[in-house]
Amino acid sequence: MKSDKIIDAKGLACPMPIVKTKKAMDQLVSGQILEILATDKGAKNDLSAWAKSGGHELLEYTEENGVLKFYLKKG
């Protein structure tokens, strides 16, 4: 999936992946896609809940070699 911006939150514990995601989302316009790389297992629940509460859409979630990849579409 093509993303407009990528943030690397690998090695960061909660709440830092959310903090970095919010800052990056603020720089995007509606409809753009943000790719988030994280290693914190709690990020899956945190990011999906955060996206929903903020009016954004979690398009895709994958895990490969311990790295979680999220694709969020700005609402």
C-alpha atoms as a PDB file:
ATOM      1  CA  MET A   1       0.000   0.000   0.000  1.00  0.00           C
ATOM      2  CA  LYS A   2       1.294   3.465  -0.863  1.00  0.00           C
ATOM      3  CA  SER A   3       1.517   5.939   1.997  1.00  0.00           C
ATOM      4  CA  ASP A   4       1.935   9.706   1.953  1.00  0.00           C
ATOM      5  CA  LYS A   5       4.041   9.761   5.123  1.00  0.00           C
ATOM      6  CA  ILE A   6       5.862   7.136   7.212  1.00  0.00           C
ATOM      7  CA  ILE A   7       6.681   7.381  10.898  1.00  0.00           C
ATOM      8  CA  ASP A   8       9.007   5.039  12.736  1.00  0.00           C
ATOM      9  CA  ALA A   9       7.840   4.308  16.282  1.00  0.00           C
ATOM     10  CA  LYS A  10       9.839   1.085  16.635  1.00  0.00           C
ATOM     11  CA  GLY A  11      11.254   0.596  20.122  1.00  0.00           C
ATOM     12  CA  LEU A  12       8.869   3.136  21.652  1.00  0.00           C
ATOM     13  CA  ALA A  13       6.442   2.178  24.405  1.00  0.00           C
ATOM     14  CA  CYS A  14       2.951   3.516  24.920  1.00  0.00           C
ATOM     15  CA  PRO A  15       1.970   6.333  24.619  1.00  0.00           C
ATOM     16  CA  MET A  16       4.778   7.461  22.286  1.00  0.00           C
ATOM     17  CA  PRO A  17       3.510   5.684  19.109  1.00  0.00           C
ATOM     18  CA  ILE A  18       0.188   7.527  19.556  1.00  0.00           C
ATOM     19  CA  VAL A  19       1.934  10.856  20.228  1.00  0.00           C
ATOM     20  CA  LYS A  20       4.046  10.507  17.061  1.00  0.00           C
ATOM     21  CA  THR A  21       0.994   9.386  15.073  1.00  0.00           C
ATOM     22  CA  LYS A  22      -1.055  12.404  16.190  1.00  0.00           C
ATOM     23  CA  LYS A  23       1.742  14.830  15.276  1.00  0.00           C
ATOM     24  CA  ALA A  24       2.121  13.235  11.829  1.00  0.00           C
ATOM     25  CA  MET A  25      -1.646  13.180  11.220  1.00  0.00           C
ATOM     26  CA  ASP A  26      -1.831  16.900  11.979  1.00  0.00           C
ATOM     27  CA  GLN A  27       0.484  17.502   8.992  1.00  0.00           C
ATOM     28  CA  LEU A  28      -1.631  15.508   6.531  1.00  0.00           C
ATOM     29  CA  VAL A  29      -4.744  16.558   4.666  1.00  0.00           C
ATOM     30  CA  SER A  30      -7.964  14.578   4.649  1.00  0.00           C
ATOM     31  CA  GLY A  31      -7.689  11.393   2.570  1.00  0.00           C
ATOM     32  CA  GLN A  32      -3.909  11.035   2.863  1.00  0.00           C
ATOM     33  CA  ILE A  33      -2.435   7.821   4.255  1.00  0.00           C
ATOM     34  CA  LEU A  34      -0.001   7.540   7.156  1.00  0.00           C
ATOM     35  CA  GLU A  35       2.139   4.428   7.614  1.00  0.00           C
ATOM     36  CA  ILE A  36       3.212   3.689  11.183  1.00  0.00           C
ATOM     37  CA  LEU A  37       5.954   1.188  12.088  1.00  0.00           C
ATOM     38  CA  ALA A  38       5.877   0.000  15.704  1.00  0.00           C
ATOM     39  CA  THR A  39       7.132  -2.839  17.873  1.00  0.00           C
ATOM     40  CA  ASP A  40       4.922  -2.255  20.942  1.00  0.00           C
ATOM     41  CA  LYS A  41       2.292  -5.005  20.929  1.00  0.00           C
ATOM     42  CA  GLY A  42      -0.192  -2.659  22.622  1.00  0.00           C
ATOM     43  CA  ALA A  43      -0.038  -0.346  19.618  1.00  0.00           C
ATOM     44  CA  LYS A  44      -2.589  -2.453  17.725  1.00  0.00           C
ATOM     45  CA  ASN A  45      -5.393  -1.736  20.182  1.00  0.00           C
ATOM     46  CA  ASP A  46      -4.174   1.788  20.933  1.00  0.00           C
ATOM     47  CA  LEU A  47      -3.913   2.919  17.315  1.00  0.00           C
ATOM     48  CA  SER A  48      -7.180   1.365  16.187  1.00  0.00           C
ATOM     49  CA  ALA A  49      -9.045   2.982  19.112  1.00  0.00           C
ATOM     50  CA  TRP A  50      -7.300   6.317  18.560  1.00  0.00           C
ATOM     51  CA  ALA A  51      -8.086   6.285  14.831  1.00  0.00           C
ATOM     52  CA  LYS A  52     -11.745   5.518  15.460  1.00  0.00           C
ATOM     53  CA  SER A  53     -12.115   8.230  18.108  1.00  0.00           C
ATOM     54  CA  GLY A  54     -10.431  10.779  15.832  1.00  0.00           C
ATOM     55  CA  GLY A  55     -12.536  10.020  12.771  1.00  0.00           C
ATOM     56  CA  HIS A  56      -9.687   8.308  10.914  1.00  0.00           C
ATOM     57  CA  GLU A  57      -9.770   4.891   9.269  1.00  0.00           C
ATOM     58  CA  LEU A  58      -7.428   1.974   9.933  1.00  0.00           C
ATOM     59  CA  LEU A  59      -7.032   0.624   6.402  1.00  0.00           C
ATOM     60  CA  GLU A  60      -4.593  -2.194   7.004  1.00  0.00           C
ATOM     61  CA  TYR A  61      -2.564  -3.821   9.753  1.00  0.00           C
ATOM     62  CA  THR A  62       0.251  -6.310   9.216  1.00  0.00           C
ATOM     63  CA  GLU A  63       2.982  -7.865  11.327  1.00  0.00           C
ATOM     64  CA  GLU A  64       6.299  -8.996   9.906  1.00  0.00           C
ATOM     65  CA  ASN A  65       9.391 -10.047  11.878  1.00  0.00           C
ATOM     66  CA  GLY A  66       8.063  -8.402  15.040  1.00  0.00           C
ATOM     67  CA  VAL A  67       7.350  -5.080  13.320  1.00  0.00           C
ATOM     68  CA  LEU A  68       3.751  -3.916  13.233  1.00  0.00           C
ATOM     69  CA  LYS A  69       2.683  -1.851  10.231  1.00  0.00           C
ATOM     70  CA  PHE A  70      -0.417   0.288  10.296  1.00  0.00           C
ATOM     71  CA  TYR A  71      -1.969   2.267   7.481  1.00  0.00           C
ATOM     72  CA  LEU A  72      -4.267   5.042   8.673  1.00  0.00           C
ATOM     73  CA  LYS A  73      -6.339   7.225   6.360  1.00  0.00           C
ATOM     74  CA  LYS A  74      -6.910  10.722   7.677  1.00  0.00           C
ATOM     75  CA  GLY A  75     -10.586  11.533   8.114  1.00  0.00           C
END
